[in-house]
Structure formats: C-alpha cells, structure tokens
Amino acid sequence: MNNPDRINLFVLQMGLRLEQELTPEQLEQLQSEEVEQRAVDRALNFLSYRPRSREEVRRYLRRKETPPEIIETALARLDRLDFVNDRTFAGFWIESREHFSPRGARALKNELRMKGVERDVVDELVNDEQDEERALRAGRKKAMTLVNTTNIDYATFRNRLGSFLQRRGFGYQIVTKTVRALWKELKEEPEEELD
C-alpha cells in the first residue's frame, strides 16, 4: 500500500470514515482492490513504451506473478478504458513495419499471431496486395549496398538479396521480380548510360 492517496480513494468508494473499524470483508475488499490496482498500474507502465496486444499484457502480468483472476479483472478494466485493443495494436504494428522494416504479408501475419492477435483480425488487416511495393522498399537499401560491392555479378546479387527478402517473409515470385527490378534499376541502367 505504497500510495496513500489511492487508499483514500478506496476508502471513499467504500463509504468508510476515519477511525472506523473494518470488518474482515471490508479489509479483504481493500486488499483485493489494491492488488488489482497494482496489476493495472504495472500494465499501464508496460503499455507506456508502445501499444501491446491483449495477450502481450496477459503474458507480462503472468511473468510478474499476478494471480490469473486479477489479470482478467485488470484486462477488463484496461478494455473499458480502451488501453488494450488488438485491432488498434495490429494497425500500429503494421504501420511501424511499413516505415521501419517492411515485411511480406506472410511475415506480418506470423508476427501478429505470435503476439496473440486473433486470426480473423490479422486476416482482415493484412493482405499480400502490397507485397511488391513492400519488397522494393525492403530490398532497396540492401541492394544498394550489394551493387557497391566490388565485382558483384547478378548471381551473387540474386542469391544475397533473394535470401534477405525471403527472410522478410516475401514469396518466391515477389522475390524474383524484385531482385530483377532492383538489379536493373541500380546496376544495368548506369552502365547503359555510360555507353
């Protein structure tokens, strides 16, 4: 009971008066509310760094040895306050990946499912229609590094960039198309201009 103001709020909510003796039930209720508030505070601190999925918050509270019934009560409270929303979290995750580390639809779906987002939410928000564009964004920086490597040939470029893009979750056809496009854009066109 580290925060005396919070206890005072509980006291007011229960209609208690100063120097009133507490019944065992009232004491138990106060203790229960304190444990619940501590779980909510921990979850809010965890959420302060970045949005999280409901399952990430649940796992975090488990690691902090929070009793299961308190976890569910805390999550319900966070739901009511709209601090835990898997659809919002998935949107944040997808947008973040788009800007900082583009991935293919397959990789995005896998990441979100590992974070505990329900399959129907993932399927609704992630589709592979933008994979070509994502692959070009993901591969361009790596391709520029590769073409500046001394004596790089197309086969080496294709193998290295192709592996990189596959690890990012892009399918074979997208990888093949992207590798060709980036080779042509970065390697072949400048040489043609010199002729």
Protein backbone atom coordinates (compact mmCIF):
# COMPACT_ATOMS: atom_id res chain seq x y z
CA MET A 1 0.00 0.00 0.00
CA ASN A 2 2.54 2.48 -1.28
CA ASN A 3 0.17 5.22 -2.39
CA PRO A 4 -1.84 6.72 0.47
CA ASP A 5 -3.98 8.77 -1.91
CA ARG A 6 -5.12 5.65 -3.71
CA ILE A 7 -6.13 4.03 -0.41
CA ASN A 8 -8.10 7.16 0.44
CA LEU A 9 -9.97 6.78 -2.85
CA PHE A 10 -10.83 3.18 -1.94
CA VAL A 11 -11.91 4.33 1.49
CA LEU A 12 -14.19 6.96 -0.05
CA GLN A 13 -15.63 4.48 -2.54
CA MET A 14 -16.48 2.08 0.29
CA GLY A 15 -18.08 4.87 2.38
CA LEU A 16 -15.67 4.40 5.28
CA ARG A 17 -14.97 7.03 7.91
CA LEU A 18 -11.84 7.99 9.78
CA GLU A 19 -11.06 5.67 12.72
CA GLN A 20 -13.85 3.29 11.71
CA GLU A 21 -13.07 -0.35 12.43
CA LEU A 22 -13.01 -2.52 9.35
CA THR A 23 -14.82 -5.79 9.08
CA PRO A 24 -12.82 -8.72 7.71
CA GLU A 25 -14.85 -8.43 4.48
CA GLN A 26 -14.02 -4.73 4.10
CA LEU A 27 -10.34 -5.39 4.76
CA GLU A 28 -10.35 -8.20 2.21
CA GLN A 29 -12.06 -5.92 -0.34
CA LEU A 30 -9.47 -3.18 0.25
CA GLN A 31 -6.63 -5.66 -0.20
CA SER A 32 -8.21 -7.09 -3.34
CA GLU A 33 -8.66 -3.64 -4.86
CA GLU A 34 -5.05 -2.79 -4.02
CA VAL A 35 -3.78 -5.93 -5.80
CA GLU A 36 -5.99 -5.17 -8.81
CA GLN A 37 -4.79 -1.55 -8.93
CA ARG A 38 -1.17 -2.70 -8.76
CA ALA A 39 -1.78 -5.01 -11.74
CA VAL A 40 -3.42 -2.19 -13.70
CA ASP A 41 -0.52 0.14 -12.83
CA ARG A 42 2.01 -2.46 -13.99
CA ALA A 43 0.10 -2.99 -17.23
CA LEU A 44 -0.14 0.76 -17.84
CA ASN A 45 3.59 1.11 -17.31
CA PHE A 46 4.17 -1.77 -19.77
CA LEU A 47 1.84 -0.08 -22.27
CA SER A 48 3.57 3.29 -21.89
CA TYR A 49 6.50 2.23 -24.08
CA ARG A 50 4.41 1.16 -27.09
CA PRO A 51 0.98 -0.31 -27.80
CA ARG A 52 0.67 -4.00 -26.90
CA SER A 53 -1.70 -6.80 -27.74
CA ARG A 54 -4.03 -8.13 -25.09
CA GLU A 55 -2.01 -11.36 -24.96
CA GLU A 56 1.29 -9.48 -24.50
CA VAL A 57 -0.17 -7.70 -21.46
CA ARG A 58 -1.51 -11.01 -20.12
CA ARG A 59 1.92 -12.68 -20.51
CA TYR A 60 3.65 -9.72 -18.87
CA LEU A 61 1.36 -9.83 -15.83
CA ARG A 62 1.87 -13.61 -15.58
CA ARG A 63 5.65 -13.06 -15.52
CA LYS A 64 5.06 -10.63 -12.65
CA GLU A 65 3.28 -13.48 -10.83
CA THR A 66 -0.09 -11.76 -10.87
CA PRO A 67 -2.93 -14.15 -9.95
CA PRO A 68 -4.98 -15.23 -13.02
CA GLU A 69 -8.27 -13.79 -11.74
CA ILE A 70 -6.58 -10.41 -11.11
CA ILE A 71 -5.09 -10.47 -14.63
CA GLU A 72 -8.54 -10.90 -16.15
CA THR A 73 -10.03 -8.17 -13.97
CA ALA A 74 -7.18 -5.80 -14.87
CA LEU A 75 -7.57 -6.60 -18.58
CA ALA A 76 -11.31 -5.93 -18.37
CA ARG A 77 -10.59 -2.54 -16.83
CA LEU A 78 -7.99 -1.75 -19.50
CA ASP A 79 -10.54 -2.79 -22.15
CA ARG A 80 -13.13 -0.39 -20.76
CA LEU A 81 -10.54 2.41 -20.89
CA ASP A 82 -9.54 1.32 -24.44
CA PHE A 83 -5.89 0.86 -23.48
CA VAL A 84 -5.87 -2.71 -24.81
CA ASN A 85 -7.31 -3.14 -28.28
CA ASP A 86 -5.90 -5.81 -30.61
CA ARG A 87 -7.23 -4.15 -33.77
CA THR A 88 -5.54 -0.84 -32.84
CA PHE A 89 -2.36 -2.67 -31.85
CA ALA A 90 -2.26 -4.59 -35.15
CA GLY A 91 -2.70 -1.34 -37.08
CA PHE A 92 0.19 0.21 -35.13
CA TRP A 93 2.39 -2.84 -35.74
CA ILE A 94 1.70 -2.92 -39.50
CA GLU A 95 2.33 0.82 -39.88
CA SER A 96 5.54 0.60 -37.87
CA ARG A 97 6.80 -2.25 -40.05
CA GLU A 98 5.87 -0.33 -43.20
CA HIS A 99 8.03 2.62 -42.16
CA PHE A 100 10.99 1.00 -40.47
CA SER A 101 11.34 -2.61 -41.57
CA PRO A 102 8.98 -3.68 -44.38
CA ARG A 103 7.88 -7.31 -44.27
CA GLY A 104 5.82 -9.52 -46.51
CA ALA A 105 2.22 -10.31 -45.63
CA ARG A 106 3.22 -13.81 -44.53
CA ALA A 107 5.78 -12.46 -42.03
CA LEU A 108 3.42 -9.74 -40.75
CA LYS A 109 0.66 -12.28 -40.15
CA ASN A 110 3.06 -14.57 -38.33
CA GLU A 111 4.39 -11.76 -36.11
CA LEU A 112 0.90 -10.63 -35.16
CA ARG A 113 -0.28 -14.17 -34.40
CA MET A 114 2.80 -14.68 -32.20
CA LYS A 115 1.80 -11.54 -30.32
CA GLY A 116 -1.59 -13.13 -29.64
CA VAL A 117 -3.76 -11.21 -32.11
CA GLU A 118 -6.76 -13.26 -33.24
CA ARG A 119 -6.53 -14.79 -36.72
CA ASP A 120 -9.66 -13.03 -38.04
CA VAL A 121 -8.27 -9.60 -37.06
CA VAL A 122 -4.91 -10.44 -38.68
CA ASP A 123 -6.54 -11.71 -41.88
CA GLU A 124 -8.72 -8.62 -42.08
CA LEU A 125 -5.85 -6.14 -41.68
CA VAL A 126 -3.01 -7.85 -43.59
CA ASN A 127 -3.16 -8.80 -47.24
CA ASP A 128 -0.49 -9.53 -49.80
CA GLU A 129 -1.68 -6.96 -52.36
CA GLN A 130 1.12 -4.57 -51.33
CA ASP A 131 3.90 -7.16 -51.16
CA GLU A 132 5.59 -5.98 -54.39
CA GLU A 133 5.80 -2.42 -53.09
CA ARG A 134 6.92 -3.62 -49.64
CA ALA A 135 9.60 -5.85 -51.19
CA LEU A 136 11.00 -2.96 -53.23
CA ARG A 137 11.17 -0.76 -50.11
CA ALA A 138 12.68 -3.56 -48.02
CA GLY A 139 15.24 -4.55 -50.65
CA ARG A 140 16.39 -1.18 -51.99
CA LYS A 141 18.85 -0.32 -49.18
CA LYS A 142 20.30 -3.84 -49.15
CA ALA A 143 20.54 -3.82 -52.96
CA MET A 144 22.43 -0.52 -52.94
CA THR A 145 24.94 -1.99 -50.51
CA LEU A 146 25.31 -5.10 -52.68
CA VAL A 147 25.82 -3.29 -56.00
CA ASN A 148 28.59 -1.24 -54.42
CA THR A 149 30.44 -4.47 -53.60
CA THR A 150 33.45 -4.91 -55.87
CA ASN A 151 32.90 -7.23 -58.86
CA ILE A 152 29.43 -8.38 -57.85
CA ASP A 153 27.69 -10.40 -60.53
CA TYR A 154 23.97 -10.95 -60.97
CA ALA A 155 24.02 -14.48 -59.49
CA THR A 156 25.62 -13.29 -56.24
CA PHE A 157 23.32 -10.28 -56.09
CA ARG A 158 20.28 -12.51 -56.70
CA ASN A 159 21.30 -15.02 -54.02
CA ARG A 160 22.07 -12.46 -51.33
CA LEU A 161 19.15 -10.12 -51.96
CA GLY A 162 16.79 -13.04 -52.56
CA SER A 163 17.71 -14.63 -49.22
CA PHE A 164 17.30 -11.30 -47.46
CA LEU A 165 13.82 -10.79 -48.92
CA GLN A 166 12.74 -14.35 -48.15
CA ARG A 167 13.76 -13.89 -44.52
CA ARG A 168 11.49 -10.82 -44.53
CA GLY A 169 8.56 -13.02 -45.48
CA PHE A 170 8.24 -12.40 -49.22
CA GLY A 171 7.24 -15.23 -51.55
CA TYR A 172 9.34 -16.63 -54.40
CA GLN A 173 7.59 -14.77 -57.23
CA ILE A 174 7.77 -11.41 -55.47
CA VAL A 175 11.43 -12.01 -54.59
CA THR A 176 12.34 -12.91 -58.17
CA LYS A 177 10.55 -9.88 -59.61
CA THR A 178 12.03 -7.53 -57.00
CA VAL A 179 15.60 -8.79 -57.46
CA ARG A 180 15.37 -8.28 -61.25
CA ALA A 181 13.84 -4.82 -60.87
CA LEU A 182 16.45 -3.64 -58.37
CA TRP A 183 19.35 -5.07 -60.41
CA LYS A 184 18.09 -3.27 -63.47
CA GLU A 185 17.47 -0.04 -61.55
CA LEU A 186 20.81 0.01 -59.72
CA LYS A 187 23.29 -1.88 -61.87
CA GLU A 188 22.34 -2.18 -65.52
CA GLU A 189 20.92 1.30 -66.24
CA PRO A 190 24.02 3.26 -65.14
CA GLU A 191 26.24 1.03 -67.30
CA GLU A 192 23.93 1.59 -70.32
CA GLU A 193 24.13 5.33 -69.78
CA LEU A 194 27.95 5.19 -69.92
CA ASP A 195 27.92 3.57 -73.41
